[in-house]
């Protein structure tokens, strides 16, 4: 997914390990979600992946879910 630099700066992102802990899935599952376009991410200058936290809590239709659900 194409994310502009300005939009990326305004949004909170976390590393893969933290994202896995937040939603209770494995790294492999998170990579599958990335490949399927289910979560948005950016790559750092060093090549690391950062996941936008607001995309971790969506259902299959793209609607935001409550973090407490």
N, C-alpha and C. Protein backbone atom coordinates (compact mmCIF):
# COMPACT_ATOMS: atom_id res chain seq x y z
N UNK A 1 0.84 -1.17 0.00
CA UNK A 1 0.00 0.00 0.00
C UNK A 1 0.89 1.23 0.00
N UNK A 2 0.49 2.20 -0.76
CA UNK A 2 1.25 3.44 -0.81
C UNK A 2 0.81 4.38 0.30
N UNK A 3 1.73 4.74 1.16
CA UNK A 3 1.47 5.67 2.26
C UNK A 3 2.39 6.86 2.05
N UNK A 4 1.82 8.06 2.08
CA UNK A 4 2.67 9.24 1.91
C UNK A 4 3.49 9.44 3.18
N UNK A 5 4.61 10.12 3.05
CA UNK A 5 5.50 10.39 4.18
C UNK A 5 4.77 11.17 5.27
N UNK A 6 4.00 12.17 4.90
CA UNK A 6 3.28 12.99 5.88
C UNK A 6 2.28 12.15 6.66
N UNK A 7 1.54 11.29 5.97
CA UNK A 7 0.59 10.41 6.64
C UNK A 7 1.31 9.44 7.58
N UNK A 8 2.43 8.92 7.15
CA UNK A 8 3.18 7.96 7.95
C UNK A 8 3.70 8.60 9.24
N UNK A 9 4.11 9.85 9.18
CA UNK A 9 4.64 10.53 10.35
C UNK A 9 3.54 10.76 11.39
N UNK A 10 2.33 10.99 10.96
CA UNK A 10 1.21 11.29 11.86
C UNK A 10 0.65 10.06 12.55
N UNK A 11 0.92 8.88 12.05
CA UNK A 11 0.33 7.65 12.57
C UNK A 11 1.32 6.91 13.47
N UNK A 12 0.79 6.20 14.46
CA UNK A 12 1.63 5.41 15.35
C UNK A 12 1.93 4.08 14.70
N UNK A 13 3.18 3.67 14.79
CA UNK A 13 3.57 2.37 14.25
C UNK A 13 4.39 1.62 15.29
N UNK A 14 4.41 0.30 15.14
CA UNK A 14 5.16 -0.56 16.04
C UNK A 14 5.94 -1.59 15.23
N UNK A 15 6.96 -2.18 15.86
CA UNK A 15 7.72 -3.21 15.16
C UNK A 15 6.91 -4.50 15.11
N UNK A 16 7.41 -5.47 14.37
CA UNK A 16 6.67 -6.72 14.17
C UNK A 16 6.42 -7.46 15.48
N UNK A 17 7.40 -7.54 16.33
CA UNK A 17 7.23 -8.27 17.59
C UNK A 17 6.13 -7.66 18.44
N UNK A 18 6.12 -6.35 18.55
CA UNK A 18 5.10 -5.67 19.33
C UNK A 18 3.73 -5.86 18.72
N UNK A 19 3.64 -5.76 17.40
CA UNK A 19 2.36 -5.97 16.72
C UNK A 19 1.84 -7.38 16.97
N UNK A 20 2.71 -8.36 16.94
CA UNK A 20 2.30 -9.75 17.20
C UNK A 20 1.74 -9.88 18.61
N UNK A 21 2.40 -9.28 19.57
CA UNK A 21 1.93 -9.33 20.95
C UNK A 21 0.59 -8.61 21.11
N UNK A 22 0.42 -7.50 20.41
CA UNK A 22 -0.80 -6.72 20.54
C UNK A 22 -2.04 -7.50 20.10
N UNK A 23 -1.91 -8.29 19.05
CA UNK A 23 -3.08 -9.00 18.51
C UNK A 23 -3.02 -10.50 18.74
N UNK A 24 -1.94 -10.99 19.35
CA UNK A 24 -1.87 -12.40 19.71
C UNK A 24 -1.70 -13.35 18.55
N UNK A 25 -0.89 -12.96 17.57
CA UNK A 25 -0.63 -13.84 16.43
C UNK A 25 0.88 -14.02 16.26
N UNK A 26 1.26 -14.98 15.42
CA UNK A 26 2.67 -15.24 15.16
C UNK A 26 3.21 -14.26 14.12
N UNK A 27 4.53 -14.20 14.02
CA UNK A 27 5.16 -13.36 12.99
C UNK A 27 4.74 -13.81 11.59
N UNK A 28 4.65 -15.12 11.39
CA UNK A 28 4.24 -15.65 10.08
C UNK A 28 2.85 -15.16 9.70
N UNK A 29 1.94 -15.14 10.67
CA UNK A 29 0.58 -14.65 10.41
C UNK A 29 0.62 -13.19 10.02
N UNK A 30 1.42 -12.42 10.74
CA UNK A 30 1.53 -10.99 10.43
C UNK A 30 2.11 -10.77 9.03
N UNK A 31 3.12 -11.57 8.66
CA UNK A 31 3.66 -11.48 7.29
C UNK A 31 2.59 -11.85 6.26
N UNK A 32 1.77 -12.84 6.57
CA UNK A 32 0.67 -13.21 5.66
C UNK A 32 -0.31 -12.05 5.51
N UNK A 33 -0.63 -11.39 6.62
CA UNK A 33 -1.53 -10.24 6.58
C UNK A 33 -0.93 -9.11 5.74
N UNK A 34 0.37 -8.90 5.88
CA UNK A 34 1.05 -7.87 5.08
C UNK A 34 0.92 -8.20 3.59
N UNK A 35 1.24 -9.45 3.24
CA UNK A 35 1.18 -9.88 1.83
C UNK A 35 -0.24 -9.81 1.27
N UNK A 36 -1.23 -10.03 2.12
CA UNK A 36 -2.63 -9.99 1.68
C UNK A 36 -3.20 -8.57 1.70
N UNK A 37 -2.43 -7.62 2.19
CA UNK A 37 -2.90 -6.23 2.23
C UNK A 37 -3.85 -5.96 3.39
N UNK A 38 -3.85 -6.81 4.40
CA UNK A 38 -4.77 -6.64 5.52
C UNK A 38 -4.28 -5.62 6.54
N UNK A 39 -2.99 -5.36 6.58
CA UNK A 39 -2.44 -4.33 7.46
C UNK A 39 -1.55 -3.40 6.64
N UNK A 40 -1.44 -2.17 7.08
CA UNK A 40 -0.58 -1.20 6.40
C UNK A 40 0.73 -1.11 7.16
N UNK A 41 1.79 -0.88 6.42
CA UNK A 41 3.12 -0.84 7.02
C UNK A 41 4.03 0.09 6.24
N UNK A 42 5.17 0.39 6.84
CA UNK A 42 6.24 1.12 6.16
C UNK A 42 7.53 0.39 6.44
N UNK A 43 8.49 0.60 5.57
CA UNK A 43 9.83 0.08 5.80
C UNK A 43 10.71 1.25 6.21
N UNK A 44 11.52 1.02 7.22
CA UNK A 44 12.45 2.05 7.67
C UNK A 44 13.62 2.13 6.70
N UNK A 45 14.46 3.13 6.88
CA UNK A 45 15.65 3.28 6.03
C UNK A 45 16.54 2.04 6.14
N UNK A 46 16.53 1.39 7.29
CA UNK A 46 17.33 0.19 7.49
C UNK A 46 16.68 -1.09 7.01
N UNK A 47 15.44 -0.99 6.49
CA UNK A 47 14.75 -2.14 5.94
C UNK A 47 13.78 -2.84 6.88
N UNK A 48 13.70 -2.37 8.13
CA UNK A 48 12.77 -2.98 9.09
C UNK A 48 11.33 -2.61 8.74
N UNK A 49 10.41 -3.47 9.12
CA UNK A 49 8.99 -3.23 8.88
C UNK A 49 8.36 -2.66 10.13
N UNK A 50 7.57 -1.60 9.97
CA UNK A 50 6.79 -0.99 11.05
C UNK A 50 5.32 -1.08 10.66
N UNK A 51 4.50 -1.62 11.55
CA UNK A 51 3.08 -1.82 11.29
C UNK A 51 2.30 -0.66 11.90
N UNK A 52 1.36 -0.07 11.14
CA UNK A 52 0.51 0.98 11.68
C UNK A 52 -0.52 0.35 12.61
N UNK A 53 -0.55 0.83 13.86
CA UNK A 53 -1.41 0.20 14.87
C UNK A 53 -2.89 0.31 14.54
N UNK A 54 -3.29 1.37 13.86
CA UNK A 54 -4.72 1.51 13.55
C UNK A 54 -5.21 0.47 12.54
N UNK A 55 -4.31 -0.20 11.85
CA UNK A 55 -4.73 -1.23 10.90
C UNK A 55 -4.74 -2.62 11.52
N UNK A 56 -4.28 -2.76 12.75
CA UNK A 56 -4.28 -4.07 13.41
C UNK A 56 -5.66 -4.46 13.91
N UNK A 57 -6.51 -3.49 14.11
CA UNK A 57 -7.81 -3.74 14.71
C UNK A 57 -8.92 -3.47 13.71
N UNK A 58 -8.97 -4.29 12.66
CA UNK A 58 -10.01 -4.19 11.63
C UNK A 58 -10.59 -5.55 11.37
N UNK A 59 -11.85 -5.57 10.97
CA UNK A 59 -12.43 -6.85 10.57
C UNK A 59 -12.17 -7.08 9.08
N UNK A 60 -12.70 -8.14 8.53
CA UNK A 60 -12.44 -8.50 7.13
C UNK A 60 -12.99 -7.48 6.13
N UNK A 61 -13.91 -6.60 6.57
CA UNK A 61 -14.45 -5.59 5.66
C UNK A 61 -13.68 -4.27 5.75
N UNK A 62 -12.70 -4.18 6.66
CA UNK A 62 -11.93 -2.96 6.81
C UNK A 62 -12.45 -2.02 7.89
N UNK A 63 -13.54 -2.44 8.57
CA UNK A 63 -14.11 -1.61 9.63
C UNK A 63 -13.26 -1.74 10.88
N UNK A 64 -13.04 -0.60 11.57
CA UNK A 64 -12.25 -0.63 12.79
C UNK A 64 -12.98 -1.38 13.90
N UNK A 65 -12.22 -2.16 14.66
CA UNK A 65 -12.74 -2.88 15.80
C UNK A 65 -12.27 -2.20 17.08
N UNK A 66 -12.98 -2.41 18.15
CA UNK A 66 -12.56 -1.90 19.44
C UNK A 66 -11.35 -2.70 19.91
N UNK A 67 -10.38 -2.03 20.49
CA UNK A 67 -9.18 -2.72 21.00
C UNK A 67 -9.51 -3.58 22.21
N UNK A 68 -10.64 -3.35 22.83
CA UNK A 68 -11.02 -4.11 24.02
C UNK A 68 -11.92 -5.28 23.68
N UNK A 69 -12.29 -5.43 22.42
CA UNK A 69 -13.20 -6.51 22.02
C UNK A 69 -12.51 -7.86 22.07
